[in-house]
Amino acid sequence: LLIDRFYAEVRPDPLIGHFFTHVDWTHHTPRI
């Protein structure tokens, strides 16, 4: 829940969202 909510907030963020645009979330989320 923490990870899901955190990335829901930061992915569209205009300042840092670009860090997350090319992430394979299916692969990366379980690792995080």
Full PDB file with SEQRES, HELIX, SHEET, SSBOND, CRYST1, ORIGX, SCALE, CONECT and MASTER records, all heavy atoms in Angstrom:
SEQRES   1 A   32  LEU LEU ILE ASP ARG PHE TYR ALA GLU VAL ARG PRO ASP          
SEQRES   2 A   32  PRO LEU ILE GLY HIS PHE PHE THR HIS VAL ASP TRP THR          
SEQRES   3 A   32  HIS HIS THR PRO ARG ILE                                      
HELIX    1 AA1 LEU A    2  VAL A   10  1                                   9    
HELIX    2 AA2 GLY A   17  PHE A   20  5                                   4    
HELIX    3 AA3 TRP A   25  ARG A   31  1                                   7    
CRYST1    1.000    1.000    1.000  90.00  90.00  90.00 P 1           1          
ORIGX1      1.000000  0.000000  0.000000        0.00000                         
ORIGX2      0.000000  1.000000  0.000000        0.00000                         
ORIGX3      0.000000  0.000000  1.000000        0.00000                         
SCALE1      1.000000  0.000000  0.000000        0.00000                         
SCALE2      0.000000  1.000000  0.000000        0.00000                         
SCALE3      0.000000  0.000000  1.000000        0.00000                         
ATOM      1  N   LEU A   1       0.829  -1.210   0.000  1.00  0.00           N  
ATOM      2  CA  LEU A   1       0.000   0.000   0.000  1.00  0.00           C  
ATOM      3  C   LEU A   1       0.862   1.259   0.000  1.00  0.00           C  
ATOM      4  O   LEU A   1       0.596   2.210  -0.740  1.00  0.00           O  
ATOM      5  CB  LEU A   1      -0.942  -0.013   1.205  1.00  0.00           C  
ATOM      6  CG  LEU A   1      -1.934   1.139   1.302  1.00  0.00           C  
ATOM      7  CD1 LEU A   1      -2.862   1.172   0.093  1.00  0.00           C  
ATOM      8  CD2 LEU A   1      -2.730   1.011   2.593  1.00  0.00           C  
ATOM      9  N   LEU A   2       1.917   1.270   0.814  1.00  0.00           N  
ATOM     10  CA  LEU A   2       2.834   2.405   0.859  1.00  0.00           C  
ATOM     11  C   LEU A   2       3.451   2.665  -0.517  1.00  0.00           C  
ATOM     12  O   LEU A   2       3.440   3.793  -1.013  1.00  0.00           O  
ATOM     13  CB  LEU A   2       3.941   2.150   1.885  1.00  0.00           C  
ATOM     14  CG  LEU A   2       5.103   3.129   1.887  1.00  0.00           C  
ATOM     15  CD1 LEU A   2       4.663   4.479   2.426  1.00  0.00           C  
ATOM     16  CD2 LEU A   2       6.260   2.571   2.694  1.00  0.00           C  
ATOM     17  N   ILE A   3       3.979   1.615  -1.141  1.00  0.00           N  
ATOM     18  CA  ILE A   3       4.636   1.745  -2.443  1.00  0.00           C  
ATOM     19  C   ILE A   3       3.624   2.187  -3.501  1.00  0.00           C  
ATOM     20  O   ILE A   3       3.895   3.086  -4.309  1.00  0.00           O  
ATOM     21  CB  ILE A   3       5.309   0.415  -2.859  1.00  0.00           C  
ATOM     22  CG1 ILE A   3       6.411   0.026  -1.858  1.00  0.00           C  
ATOM     23  CG2 ILE A   3       5.827   0.466  -4.291  1.00  0.00           C  
ATOM     24  CD1 ILE A   3       7.485   1.053  -1.672  1.00  0.00           C  
ATOM     25  N   ASP A   4       2.455   1.579  -3.489  1.00  0.00           N  
ATOM     26  CA  ASP A   4       1.417   1.916  -4.457  1.00  0.00           C  
ATOM     27  C   ASP A   4       1.022   3.390  -4.349  1.00  0.00           C  
ATOM     28  O   ASP A   4       0.963   4.104  -5.349  1.00  0.00           O  
ATOM     29  CB  ASP A   4       0.204   1.011  -4.229  1.00  0.00           C  
ATOM     30  CG  ASP A   4      -0.826   1.154  -5.313  1.00  0.00           C  
ATOM     31  OD1 ASP A   4      -0.466   1.023  -6.499  1.00  0.00           O  
ATOM     32  OD2 ASP A   4      -2.012   1.391  -4.971  1.00  0.00           O  
ATOM     33  N   ARG A   5       0.791   3.855  -3.149  1.00  0.00           N  
ATOM     34  CA  ARG A   5       0.391   5.254  -2.957  1.00  0.00           C  
ATOM     35  C   ARG A   5       1.523   6.228  -3.259  1.00  0.00           C  
ATOM     36  O   ARG A   5       1.308   7.292  -3.833  1.00  0.00           O  
ATOM     37  CB  ARG A   5      -0.117   5.460  -1.534  1.00  0.00           C  
ATOM     38  CG  ARG A   5      -1.475   4.837  -1.328  1.00  0.00           C  
ATOM     39  CD  ARG A   5      -2.009   5.133   0.036  1.00  0.00           C  
ATOM     40  NE  ARG A   5      -3.341   4.569   0.196  1.00  0.00           N  
ATOM     41  CZ  ARG A   5      -3.994   4.576   1.333  1.00  0.00           C  
ATOM     42  NH1 ARG A   5      -3.460   5.119   2.420  1.00  0.00           N  
ATOM     43  NH2 ARG A   5      -5.198   4.039   1.407  1.00  0.00           N  
ATOM     44  N   PHE A   6       2.743   5.868  -2.857  1.00  0.00           N  
ATOM     45  CA  PHE A   6       3.889   6.745  -3.114  1.00  0.00           C  
ATOM     46  C   PHE A   6       4.072   6.978  -4.610  1.00  0.00           C  
ATOM     47  O   PHE A   6       4.152   8.116  -5.070  1.00  0.00           O  
ATOM     48  CB  PHE A   6       5.161   6.154  -2.500  1.00  0.00           C  
ATOM     49  CG  PHE A   6       6.390   6.949  -2.829  1.00  0.00           C  
ATOM     50  CD1 PHE A   6       6.672   8.116  -2.149  1.00  0.00           C  
ATOM     51  CD2 PHE A   6       7.261   6.528  -3.823  1.00  0.00           C  
ATOM     52  CE1 PHE A   6       7.811   8.865  -2.453  1.00  0.00           C  
ATOM     53  CE2 PHE A   6       8.398   7.262  -4.130  1.00  0.00           C  
ATOM     54  CZ  PHE A   6       8.667   8.431  -3.445  1.00  0.00           C  
ATOM     55  N   TYR A   7       4.128   5.891  -5.384  1.00  0.00           N  
ATOM     56  CA  TYR A   7       4.380   6.042  -6.816  1.00  0.00           C  
ATOM     57  C   TYR A   7       3.189   6.635  -7.556  1.00  0.00           C  
ATOM     58  O   TYR A   7       3.368   7.284  -8.585  1.00  0.00           O  
ATOM     59  CB  TYR A   7       4.858   4.730  -7.433  1.00  0.00           C  
ATOM     60  CG  TYR A   7       6.296   4.483  -7.061  1.00  0.00           C  
ATOM     61  CD1 TYR A   7       6.638   3.559  -6.077  1.00  0.00           C  
ATOM     62  CD2 TYR A   7       7.316   5.224  -7.641  1.00  0.00           C  
ATOM     63  CE1 TYR A   7       7.953   3.369  -5.701  1.00  0.00           C  
ATOM     64  CE2 TYR A   7       8.637   5.044  -7.271  1.00  0.00           C  
ATOM     65  CZ  TYR A   7       8.950   4.114  -6.306  1.00  0.00           C  
ATOM     66  OH  TYR A   7      10.245   3.942  -5.933  1.00  0.00           O  
ATOM     67  N   ALA A   8       1.990   6.479  -7.043  1.00  0.00           N  
ATOM     68  CA  ALA A   8       0.828   7.151  -7.629  1.00  0.00           C  
ATOM     69  C   ALA A   8       0.980   8.667  -7.520  1.00  0.00           C  
ATOM     70  O   ALA A   8       0.513   9.405  -8.384  1.00  0.00           O  
ATOM     71  CB  ALA A   8      -0.459   6.694  -6.940  1.00  0.00           C  
ATOM     72  N   GLU A   9       1.656   9.117  -6.474  1.00  0.00           N  
ATOM     73  CA  GLU A   9       1.886  10.555  -6.284  1.00  0.00           C  
ATOM     74  C   GLU A   9       3.080  11.075  -7.080  1.00  0.00           C  
ATOM     75  O   GLU A   9       3.020  12.163  -7.644  1.00  0.00           O  
ATOM     76  CB  GLU A   9       2.114  10.860  -4.800  1.00  0.00           C  
ATOM     77  CG  GLU A   9       0.899  10.648  -3.936  1.00  0.00           C  
ATOM     78  CD  GLU A   9      -0.164  11.715  -4.135  1.00  0.00           C  
ATOM     79  OE1 GLU A   9       0.199  12.885  -4.361  1.00  0.00           O  
ATOM     80  OE2 GLU A   9      -1.347  11.364  -4.073  1.00  0.00           O  
ATOM     81  N   VAL A  10       4.178  10.332  -7.098  1.00  0.00           N  
ATOM     82  CA  VAL A  10       5.406  10.877  -7.705  1.00  0.00           C  
ATOM     83  C   VAL A  10       5.470  10.718  -9.220  1.00  0.00           C  
ATOM     84  O   VAL A  10       6.102  11.537  -9.890  1.00  0.00           O  
ATOM     85  CB  VAL A  10       6.692  10.310  -7.055  1.00  0.00           C  
ATOM     86  CG1 VAL A  10       6.743  10.650  -5.584  1.00  0.00           C  
ATOM     87  CG2 VAL A  10       6.851   8.834  -7.297  1.00  0.00           C  
ATOM     88  N   ARG A  11       4.844   9.698  -9.761  1.00  0.00           N  
ATOM     89  CA  ARG A  11       4.931   9.491 -11.208  1.00  0.00           C  
ATOM     90  C   ARG A  11       4.404  10.672 -12.014  1.00  0.00           C  
ATOM     91  O   ARG A  11       5.034  11.057 -13.003  1.00  0.00           O  
ATOM     92  CB  ARG A  11       4.253   8.190 -11.597  1.00  0.00           C  
ATOM     93  CG  ARG A  11       5.075   6.987 -11.164  1.00  0.00           C  
ATOM     94  CD  ARG A  11       4.332   5.706 -11.159  1.00  0.00           C  
ATOM     95  NE  ARG A  11       3.966   5.242 -12.483  1.00  0.00           N  
ATOM     96  CZ  ARG A  11       3.357   4.092 -12.691  1.00  0.00           C  
ATOM     97  NH1 ARG A  11       3.029   3.299 -11.694  1.00  0.00           N  
ATOM     98  NH2 ARG A  11       3.050   3.725 -13.909  1.00  0.00           N  
ATOM     99  N   PRO A  12       3.285  11.296 -11.631  1.00  0.00           N  
ATOM    100  CA  PRO A  12       2.822  12.454 -12.407  1.00  0.00           C  
ATOM    101  C   PRO A  12       3.424  13.793 -11.959  1.00  0.00           C  
ATOM    102  O   PRO A  12       3.126  14.832 -12.538  1.00  0.00           O  
ATOM    103  CB  PRO A  12       1.309  12.445 -12.168  1.00  0.00           C  
ATOM    104  CG  PRO A  12       1.143  11.833 -10.827  1.00  0.00           C  
ATOM    105  CD  PRO A  12       2.264  10.821 -10.710  1.00  0.00           C  
ATOM    106  N   ASP A  13       4.302  13.771 -10.961  1.00  0.00           N  
ATOM    107  CA  ASP A  13       4.852  15.005 -10.420  1.00  0.00           C  
ATOM    108  C   ASP A  13       5.687  15.732 -11.479  1.00  0.00           C  
ATOM    109  O   ASP A  13       6.558  15.132 -12.114  1.00  0.00           O  
ATOM    110  CB  ASP A  13       5.721  14.702  -9.198  1.00  0.00           C  
ATOM    111  CG  ASP A  13       6.216  15.966  -8.539  1.00  0.00           C  
ATOM    112  OD1 ASP A  13       5.491  16.502  -7.687  1.00  0.00           O  
ATOM    113  OD2 ASP A  13       7.329  16.425  -8.889  1.00  0.00           O  
ATOM    114  N   PRO A  14       5.455  17.043 -11.673  1.00  0.00           N  
ATOM    115  CA  PRO A  14       6.187  17.767 -12.711  1.00  0.00           C  
ATOM    116  C   PRO A  14       7.685  17.906 -12.452  1.00  0.00           C  
ATOM    117  O   PRO A  14       8.468  18.053 -13.394  1.00  0.00           O  
ATOM    118  CB  PRO A  14       5.514  19.140 -12.748  1.00  0.00           C  
ATOM    119  CG  PRO A  14       4.737  19.261 -11.493  1.00  0.00           C  
ATOM    120  CD  PRO A  14       4.458  17.873 -11.003  1.00  0.00           C  
ATOM    121  N   LEU A  15       8.120  17.846 -11.205  1.00  0.00           N  
ATOM    122  CA  LEU A  15       9.538  18.004 -10.899  1.00  0.00           C  
ATOM    123  C   LEU A  15      10.306  16.685 -10.988  1.00  0.00           C  
ATOM    124  O   LEU A  15      11.434  16.654 -11.491  1.00  0.00           O  
ATOM    125  CB  LEU A  15       9.717  18.607  -9.496  1.00  0.00           C  
ATOM    126  CG  LEU A  15      11.154  18.863  -9.053  1.00  0.00           C  
ATOM    127  CD1 LEU A  15      11.850  19.860  -9.987  1.00  0.00           C  
ATOM    128  CD2 LEU A  15      11.182  19.370  -7.621  1.00  0.00           C  
ATOM    129  N   ILE A  16       9.727  15.588 -10.518  1.00  0.00           N  
ATOM    130  CA  ILE A  16      10.475  14.322 -10.475  1.00  0.00           C  
ATOM    131  C   ILE A  16       9.855  13.190 -11.289  1.00  0.00           C  
ATOM    132  O   ILE A  16      10.442  12.115 -11.401  1.00  0.00           O  
ATOM    133  CB  ILE A  16      10.682  13.843  -9.016  1.00  0.00           C  
ATOM    134  CG1 ILE A  16       9.351  13.577  -8.327  1.00  0.00           C  
ATOM    135  CG2 ILE A  16      11.541  14.844  -8.246  1.00  0.00           C  
ATOM    136  CD1 ILE A  16       9.483  12.934  -6.963  1.00  0.00           C  
ATOM    137  N   GLY A  17       8.705  13.411 -11.875  1.00  0.00           N  
ATOM    138  CA  GLY A  17       8.030  12.361 -12.626  1.00  0.00           C  
ATOM    139  C   GLY A  17       8.855  11.777 -13.760  1.00  0.00           C  
ATOM    140  O   GLY A  17       8.736  10.596 -14.079  1.00  0.00           O  
ATOM    141  N   HIS A  18       9.725  12.591 -14.354  1.00  0.00           N  
ATOM    142  CA  HIS A  18      10.531  12.103 -15.485  1.00  0.00           C  
ATOM    143  C   HIS A  18      11.474  10.972 -15.093  1.00  0.00           C  
ATOM    144  O   HIS A  18      11.890  10.192 -15.947  1.00  0.00           O  
ATOM    145  CB  HIS A  18      11.305  13.257 -16.127  1.00  0.00           C  
ATOM    146  CG  HIS A  18      12.381  13.829 -15.268  1.00  0.00           C  
ATOM    147  ND1 HIS A  18      12.126  14.704 -14.238  1.00  0.00           N  
ATOM    148  CD2 HIS A  18      13.715  13.647 -15.296  1.00  0.00           C  
ATOM    149  CE1 HIS A  18      13.271  15.042 -13.659  1.00  0.00           C  
ATOM    150  NE2 HIS A  18      14.248  14.415 -14.294  1.00  0.00           N  
ATOM    151  N   PHE A  19      11.799  10.839 -13.821  1.00  0.00           N  
ATOM    152  CA  PHE A  19      12.658   9.736 -13.380  1.00  0.00           C  
ATOM    153  C   PHE A  19      11.943   8.390 -13.494  1.00  0.00           C  
ATOM    154  O   PHE A  19      12.579   7.341 -13.475  1.00  0.00           O  
ATOM    155  CB  PHE A  19      13.112   9.936 -11.934  1.00  0.00           C  
ATOM    156  CG  PHE A  19      14.080  11.064 -11.748  1.00  0.00           C  
ATOM    157  CD1 PHE A  19      13.704  12.187 -11.023  1.00  0.00           C  
ATOM    158  CD2 PHE A  19      15.350  11.025 -12.286  1.00  0.00           C  
ATOM    159  CE1 PHE A  19      14.589  13.241 -10.832  1.00  0.00           C  
ATOM    160  CE2 PHE A  19      16.241  12.078 -12.111  1.00  0.00           C  
ATOM    161  CZ  PHE A  19      15.856  13.187 -11.386  1.00  0.00           C  
ATOM    162  N   PHE A  20      10.622   8.410 -13.576  1.00  0.00           N  
ATOM    163  CA  PHE A  20       9.827   7.187 -13.489  1.00  0.00           C  
ATOM    164  C   PHE A  20       9.117   6.814 -14.784  1.00  0.00           C  
ATOM    165  O   PHE A  20       8.382   5.840 -14.822  1.00  0.00           O  
ATOM    166  CB  PHE A  20       8.791   7.339 -12.368  1.00  0.00           C  
ATOM    167  CG  PHE A  20       9.400   7.741 -11.066  1.00  0.00           C  
ATOM    168  CD1 PHE A  20       9.325   9.057 -10.625  1.00  0.00           C  
ATOM    169  CD2 PHE A  20      10.088   6.826 -10.281  1.00  0.00           C  
ATOM    170  CE1 PHE A  20       9.908   9.447  -9.420  1.00  0.00           C  
ATOM    171  CE2 PHE A  20      10.675   7.209  -9.090  1.00  0.00           C  
ATOM    172  CZ  PHE A  20      10.582   8.506  -8.659  1.00  0.00           C  
ATOM    173  N   THR A  21       9.347   7.555 -15.858  1.00  0.00           N  
ATOM    174  CA  THR A  21       8.595   7.311 -17.088  1.00  0.00           C  
ATOM    175  C   THR A  21       9.008   6.049 -17.829  1.00  0.00           C  
ATOM    176  O   THR A  21       8.197   5.475 -18.544  1.00  0.00           O  
ATOM    177  CB  THR A  21       8.700   8.511 -18.050  1.00  0.00           C  
ATOM    178  OG1 THR A  21      10.066   8.780 -18.310  1.00  0.00           O  
ATOM    179  CG2 THR A  21       8.031   9.741 -17.473  1.00  0.00           C  
ATOM    180  N   HIS A  22      10.234   5.606 -17.685  1.00  0.00           N  
ATOM    181  CA  HIS A  22      10.701   4.439 -18.441  1.00  0.00           C  
ATOM    182  C   HIS A  22      10.915   3.212 -17.561  1.00  0.00           C  
ATOM    183  O   HIS A  22      11.689   2.330 -17.912  1.00  0.00           O  
ATOM    184  CB  HIS A  22      11.988   4.780 -19.193  1.00  0.00           C  
ATOM    185  CG  HIS A  22      11.803   5.894 -20.173  1.00  0.00           C  
ATOM    186  ND1 HIS A  22      11.036   5.762 -21.305  1.00  0.00           N  
ATOM    187  CD2 HIS A  22      12.244   7.168 -20.174  1.00  0.00           C  
ATOM    188  CE1 HIS A  22      11.023   6.901 -21.963  1.00  0.00           C  
ATOM    189  NE2 HIS A  22      11.749   7.772 -21.299  1.00  0.00           N  
ATOM    190  N   VAL A  23      10.207   3.139 -16.450  1.00  0.00           N  
ATOM    191  CA  VAL A  23      10.335   2.010 -15.525  1.00  0.00           C  
ATOM    192  C   VAL A  23       9.361   0.913 -15.927  1.00  0.00           C  
ATOM    193  O   VAL A  23       8.197   1.178 -16.219  1.00  0.00           O  
ATOM    194  CB  VAL A  23      10.058   2.465 -14.071  1.00  0.00           C  
ATOM    195  CG1 VAL A  23      10.054   1.283 -13.120  1.00  0.00           C  
ATOM    196  CG2 VAL A  23      11.075   3.507 -13.638  1.00  0.00           C  
ATOM    197  N   ASP A  24       9.841  -0.309 -15.951  1.00  0.00           N  
ATOM    198  CA  ASP A  24       8.973  -1.474 -16.162  1.00  0.00           C  
ATOM    199  C   ASP A  24       8.351  -1.814 -14.807  1.00  0.00           C  
ATOM    200  O   ASP A  24       8.943  -2.524 -13.998  1.00  0.00           O  
ATOM    201  CB  ASP A  24       9.803  -2.640 -16.697  1.00  0.00           C  
ATOM    202  CG  ASP A  24       9.018  -3.933 -16.827  1.00  0.00           C  
ATOM    203  OD1 ASP A  24       7.832  -3.981 -16.423  1.00  0.00           O  
ATOM    204  OD2 ASP A  24       9.600  -4.913 -17.315  1.00  0.00           O  
ATOM    205  N   TRP A  25       7.174  -1.269 -14.536  1.00  0.00           N  
ATOM    206  CA  TRP A  25       6.561  -1.376 -13.206  1.00  0.00           C  
ATOM    207  C   TRP A  25       6.200  -2.800 -12.841  1.00  0.00           C  
ATOM    208  O   TRP A  25       6.260  -3.167 -11.669  1.00  0.00           O  
ATOM    209  CB  TRP A  25       5.357  -0.438 -13.111  1.00  0.00           C  
ATOM    210  CG  TRP A  25       5.825   0.973 -13.139  1.00  0.00           C  
ATOM    211  CD1 TRP A  25       5.763   1.840 -14.183  1.00  0.00           C  
ATOM    212  CD2 TRP A  25       6.507   1.665 -12.086  1.00  0.00           C  
ATOM    213  NE1 TRP A  25       6.356   3.036 -13.854  1.00  0.00           N  
ATOM    214  CE2 TRP A  25       6.822   2.953 -12.557  1.00  0.00           C  
ATOM    215  CE3 TRP A  25       6.879   1.325 -10.792  1.00  0.00           C  
ATOM    216  CZ2 TRP A  25       7.482   3.898 -11.791  1.00  0.00           C  
ATOM    217  CZ3 TRP A  25       7.542   2.264 -10.023  1.00  0.00           C  
ATOM    218  CH2 TRP A  25       7.835   3.528 -10.524  1.00  0.00           C  
ATOM    219  N   THR A  26       5.863  -3.635 -13.820  1.00  0.00           N  
ATOM    220  CA  THR A  26       5.533  -5.032 -13.528  1.00  0.00           C  
ATOM    221  C   THR A  26       6.744  -5.744 -12.933  1.00  0.00           C  
ATOM    222  O   THR A  26       6.617  -6.543 -12.007  1.00  0.00           O  
ATOM    223  CB  THR A  26       5.056  -5.746 -14.810  1.00  0.00           C  
ATOM    224  OG1 THR A  26       3.934  -5.046 -15.331  1.00  0.00           O  
ATOM    225  CG2 THR A  26       4.687  -7.181 -14.531  1.00  0.00           C  
ATOM    226  N   HIS A  27       7.907  -5.447 -13.440  1.00  0.00           N  
ATOM    227  CA  HIS A  27       9.150  -6.047 -12.950  1.00  0.00           C  
ATOM    228  C   HIS A  27       9.667  -5.333 -11.699  1.00  0.00           C  
ATOM    229  O   HIS A  27      10.143  -5.973 -10.754  1.00  0.00           O  
ATOM    230  CB  HIS A  27      10.213  -5.994 -14.051  1.00  0.00           C  
ATOM    231  CG  HIS A  27      11.582  -6.385 -13.599  1.00  0.00           C  
ATOM    232  ND1 HIS A  27      11.952  -7.687 -13.394  1.00  0.00           N  
ATOM    233  CD2 HIS A  27      12.662  -5.634 -13.292  1.00  0.00           C  
ATOM    234  CE1 HIS A  27      13.207  -7.726 -12.973  1.00  0.00           C  
ATOM    235  NE2 HIS A  27      13.668  -6.497 -12.910  1.00  0.00           N  
ATOM    236  N   HIS A  28       9.579  -4.015 -11.688  1.00  0.00           N  
ATOM    237  CA  HIS A  28      10.239  -3.224 -10.653  1.00  0.00           C  
ATOM    238  C   HIS A  28       9.483  -3.173  -9.324  1.00  0.00           C  
ATOM    239  O   HIS A  28      10.105  -3.187  -8.259  1.00  0.00           O  
ATOM    240  CB  HIS A  28      10.474  -1.803 -11.182  1.00  0.00           C  
ATOM    241  CG  HIS A  28      11.491  -1.036 -10.416  1.00  0.00           C  
ATOM    242  ND1 HIS A  28      12.760  -1.501 -10.184  1.00  0.00           N  
ATOM    243  CD2 HIS A  28      11.428   0.176  -9.823  1.00  0.00           C  
ATOM    244  CE1 HIS A  28      13.442  -0.610  -9.474  1.00  0.00           C  
ATOM    245  NE2 HIS A  28      12.655   0.421  -9.241  1.00  0.00           N  
ATOM    246  N   THR A  29       8.157  -3.139  -9.369  1.00  0.00           N  
ATOM    247  CA  THR A  29       7.377  -3.015  -8.138  1.00  0.00           C  
ATOM    248  C   THR A  29       7.663  -4.134  -7.135  1.00  0.00           C  
ATOM    249  O   THR A  29       7.889  -3.847  -5.953  1.00  0.00           O  
ATOM    250  CB  THR A  29       5.871  -2.901  -8.451  1.00  0.00           C  
ATOM    251  OG1 THR A  29       5.666  -1.741  -9.255  1.00  0.00           O  
ATOM    252  CG2 THR A  29       5.047  -2.783  -7.183  1.00  0.00           C  
ATOM    253  N   PRO A  30       7.691  -5.397  -7.533  1.00  0.00           N  
ATOM    254  CA  PRO A  30       8.020  -6.442  -6.542  1.00  0.00           C  
ATOM    255  C   PRO A  30       9.418  -6.269  -5.938  1.00  0.00           C  
ATOM    256  O   PRO A  30       9.632  -6.576  -4.763  1.00  0.00           O  
ATOM    257  CB  PRO A  30       7.929  -7.747  -7.340  1.00  0.00           C  
ATOM    258  CG  PRO A  30       7.054  -7.423  -8.495  1.00  0.00           C  
ATOM    259  CD  PRO A  30       7.301  -5.974  -8.810  1.00  0.00           C  
ATOM    260  N   ARG A  31      10.364  -5.764  -6.725  1.00  0.00           N  
ATOM    261  CA  ARG A  31      11.715  -5.542  -6.198  1.00  0.00           C  
ATOM    262  C   ARG A  31      11.718  -4.411  -5.169  1.00  0.00           C  
ATOM    263  O   ARG A  31      12.376  -4.496  -4.134  1.00  0.00           O  
ATOM    264  CB  ARG A  31      12.693  -5.239  -7.335  1.00  0.00           C  
ATOM    265  CG  ARG A  31      12.916  -6.437  -8.245  1.00  0.00           C  
ATOM    266  CD  ARG A  31      13.902  -6.176  -9.349  1.00  0.00           C  
ATOM    267  NE  ARG A  31      15.181  -5.661  -8.907  1.00  0.00           N  
ATOM    268  CZ  ARG A  31      16.148  -6.374  -8.337  1.00  0.00           C  
ATOM    269  NH1 ARG A  31      15.971  -7.657  -8.117  1.00  0.00           N  
ATOM    270  NH2 ARG A  31      17.290  -5.806  -8.005  1.00  0.00           N  
ATOM    271  N   ILE A  32      10.995  -3.328  -5.483  1.00  0.00           N  
ATOM    272  CA  ILE A  32      10.897  -2.210  -4.547  1.00  0.00           C  
ATOM    273  C   ILE A  32      10.239  -2.681  -3.251  1.00  0.00           C  
ATOM    274  O   ILE A  32      10.699  -2.358  -2.148  1.00  0.00           O  
ATOM    275  CB  ILE A  32      10.082  -1.051  -5.156  1.00  0.00           C  
ATOM    276  CG1 ILE A  32      10.777  -0.471  -6.374  1.00  0.00           C  
ATOM    277  CG2 ILE A  32       9.822   0.034  -4.119  1.00  0.00           C  
ATOM    278  CD1 ILE A  32       9.895   0.457  -7.183  1.00  0.00           C  
TER     279      ILE A  32                                                      
MASTER        0    0    0    3    0    0    0    6  278    1    0    3          
END                                                                             
